Protein backbone atom coordinates (compact mmCIF):
# COMPACT_ATOMS: atom_id res chain seq x y z
CA MET A 1 48.88 208.01 76.27
CA ALA A 2 51.37 208.68 79.06
CA SER A 3 50.55 212.42 78.98
CA ASP A 4 46.95 211.76 80.09
CA PRO A 5 46.58 212.68 83.82
CA THR A 6 44.60 209.53 84.63
CA ILE A 7 47.31 207.36 83.07
CA LEU A 8 49.97 209.24 85.01
CA THR A 9 48.19 208.63 88.32
CA THR A 10 47.62 204.99 87.35
CA LEU A 11 51.32 204.64 86.50
CA THR A 12 52.32 206.19 89.83
CA LYS A 13 50.04 203.85 91.77
CA LEU A 14 51.21 200.83 89.78
CA GLU A 15 54.86 201.69 90.46
CA GLU A 16 54.11 202.06 94.20
CA LEU A 17 52.33 198.70 94.20
CA MET A 18 55.21 197.11 92.26
CA ALA A 19 57.63 198.34 94.94
CA ALA A 20 55.34 196.97 97.67
CA ILE A 21 55.12 193.60 95.92
CA GLY A 22 58.92 193.59 95.55
CA GLY A 23 59.20 193.99 99.32
CA TYR A 24 57.78 190.51 99.85
CA ASP A 25 60.03 187.45 99.92
CA ASP A 26 57.46 185.68 97.76
CA PRO A 27 55.47 188.03 95.46
CA ARG A 28 52.58 185.56 95.43
CA ARG A 29 51.84 186.43 99.05
CA ALA A 30 51.01 190.07 98.23
CA GLY A 31 47.31 189.35 97.66
CA ALA A 32 45.93 192.80 98.51
CA GLU A 33 48.50 194.53 96.31
CA TRP A 34 47.76 192.25 93.37
CA LYS A 35 44.03 192.99 93.75
CA GLN A 36 44.76 196.70 93.48
CA VAL A 37 47.04 196.10 90.50
CA PHE A 38 44.25 194.13 88.81
CA ARG A 39 41.69 196.93 89.35
CA LEU A 40 44.09 199.55 88.02
CA LEU A 41 45.05 197.52 84.95
CA GLN A 42 41.40 196.88 84.12
CA SER A 43 40.91 200.63 83.72
CA THR A 44 43.62 200.79 81.06
CA GLU A 45 43.49 199.85 77.39
CA LEU A 46 45.68 196.79 77.86
CA PRO A 47 44.18 193.48 76.66
CA SER A 48 42.13 191.90 79.44
CA GLY A 49 43.48 188.42 78.69
CA ARG A 50 47.03 189.59 79.24
CA VAL A 51 46.05 191.44 82.43
CA ASN A 52 44.33 188.32 83.77
CA GLY A 53 47.35 186.17 82.94
CA VAL A 54 49.91 188.45 84.57
CA VAL A 55 47.88 189.04 87.72
CA GLY A 56 46.69 185.43 87.96
CA MET A 57 50.24 184.08 87.74
CA ARG A 58 51.61 186.87 89.98
CA ASP A 59 54.16 187.61 87.27
CA VAL A 60 56.31 190.53 88.47
CA GLY A 61 58.26 190.64 85.19
CA GLY A 62 55.04 190.75 83.17
CA LEU A 63 53.77 193.55 85.40
CA ALA A 64 56.95 195.53 84.76
CA GLU A 65 56.47 195.06 81.00
CA MET A 66 52.88 196.29 81.23
CA ILE A 67 53.94 199.37 83.16
CA GLU A 68 56.56 200.10 80.48
CA GLN A 69 53.94 199.64 77.77
CA LEU A 70 51.67 202.15 79.53
CA ARG A 71 54.56 204.56 79.91
CA ALA A 72 55.55 204.41 76.22
CA PRO A 73 52.74 202.88 74.16
CA THR A 74 53.35 201.61 70.67
CA PRO A 75 51.91 203.96 68.07
CA ILE A 76 48.93 202.73 66.08
CA ASP A 77 49.80 202.10 62.46
CA ALA A 78 47.49 203.45 59.80
CA GLU A 79 47.25 199.88 58.50
CA ASP A 80 45.90 198.62 61.84
CA VAL A 81 42.96 201.04 61.91
CA PRO A 82 39.91 199.42 60.31
CA ASP A 83 38.16 201.05 57.38
CA PRO A 84 35.33 203.42 58.44
CA GLU A 85 32.87 201.49 56.27
CA ILE A 86 33.75 198.25 58.08
CA CYS A 87 33.29 199.98 61.43
CA LYS A 88 29.89 201.28 60.31
CA LYS A 89 28.75 197.78 59.26
CA ALA A 90 30.08 196.25 62.47
CA LEU A 91 28.27 198.84 64.59
CA ARG A 92 25.05 198.15 62.69
CA ALA A 93 25.46 194.41 63.34
CA PHE A 94 26.19 195.09 67.01
CA ARG A 95 23.04 197.18 67.40
CA LYS A 96 21.00 194.45 65.72
CA ARG A 97 22.45 191.77 68.01
CA LEU A 98 21.79 193.93 71.06
CA SER A 99 18.17 194.62 70.07
CA LEU A 100 17.51 190.94 69.29
CA THR A 101 19.02 189.89 72.61
CA VAL A 102 16.86 192.43 74.46
CA LEU A 103 13.73 191.22 72.64
CA ASP A 104 14.61 187.62 73.44
CA GLU A 105 15.06 188.48 77.12
CA GLN A 106 11.77 190.40 77.26
CA SER A 107 9.78 187.64 75.57
CA LYS A 108 10.44 185.04 78.24
CA LEU A 109 7.18 183.84 79.70
CA GLY A 110 8.35 182.46 82.98
CA ARG A 111 9.47 184.73 85.74
CA SER A 112 10.32 183.67 89.24
CA PRO A 113 7.34 184.06 91.60
CA LEU A 114 9.70 185.53 94.16
CA THR A 115 10.60 188.51 92.01
CA LYS A 116 8.46 191.52 91.20
CA GLY A 117 8.14 190.44 87.61
CA SER A 118 10.24 193.15 86.05
CA SER A 119 13.75 192.39 84.98
CA LYS A 120 16.72 194.67 84.72
CA GLY A 121 17.43 195.98 81.28
CA LEU A 122 20.04 194.16 79.27
CA GLU A 123 22.99 196.44 78.71
CA ALA A 124 25.94 194.56 77.20
CA VAL A 125 26.45 191.71 74.75
CA VAL A 126 29.29 189.87 73.09
CA PRO A 127 29.86 191.50 69.69
CA PRO A 128 29.42 189.49 66.48
CA SER A 129 32.47 187.38 65.73
CA GLU A 130 32.48 188.21 62.03
CA TRP A 131 34.68 191.23 62.73
CA PRO A 132 38.07 191.20 64.45
CA ASP A 133 38.72 192.71 67.87
CA ALA A 134 40.49 195.66 66.23
CA VAL A 135 37.13 196.85 64.87
CA TRP A 136 35.51 196.80 68.31
CA GLN A 137 38.50 198.52 69.88
CA GLU A 138 38.33 201.22 67.21
CA LEU A 139 34.62 201.75 67.94
CA VAL A 140 35.45 202.08 71.65
CA ARG A 141 38.17 204.60 70.77
CA GLN A 142 35.68 206.56 68.67
CA GLY A 143 33.28 206.63 71.64
CA LYS A 144 30.50 204.65 69.95
CA LEU A 145 30.84 201.58 72.18
CA ARG A 146 31.96 200.98 75.76
CA TYR A 147 34.04 197.99 76.79
CA ILE A 148 32.45 196.51 79.89
CA SER A 149 34.60 193.46 80.70
CA GLN A 150 35.34 189.91 79.61
CA GLY A 151 34.52 190.57 75.95
CA LEU A 152 31.22 192.39 76.60
CA TYR A 153 30.48 195.70 74.94
CA ALA A 154 27.63 198.18 75.32
CA LEU A 155 26.47 201.17 73.34
CA ALA A 156 28.04 204.38 74.57
CA LYS A 157 25.69 206.57 76.54
CA GLU A 158 25.08 209.87 74.83
């Protein structure tokens, strides 16, 4: 992962921001720097809950650990990768949930009289909870889904 040019630029920016945050007497006062750190970490494959926790608590040590993890990621074990058949079933269930959610949204009778009547298309949904997060992350890695944010996924645009 660290050989990817986007990761290298992200790592460089994160290290610069870490140095800037270290320049403050109290790291919690570096609001603008932490905002930039948050945006950069959101673009990585790190778990969003961990990113939110580290940035929310202004944890400099946690940020250093995340930078190290980006620099030298842990290899994925063959045991951790879900079975292709499970991924196929999960993707089918995701598509069904997405289509049902879109139909439900389109079938609403009442629209606000102040709007033009047309609604924006629904793009992302929370995936079915029958499958673990590893399945959804594998589907994102395969390019079949896109991770939007806060547990929402969308079909990858082809």
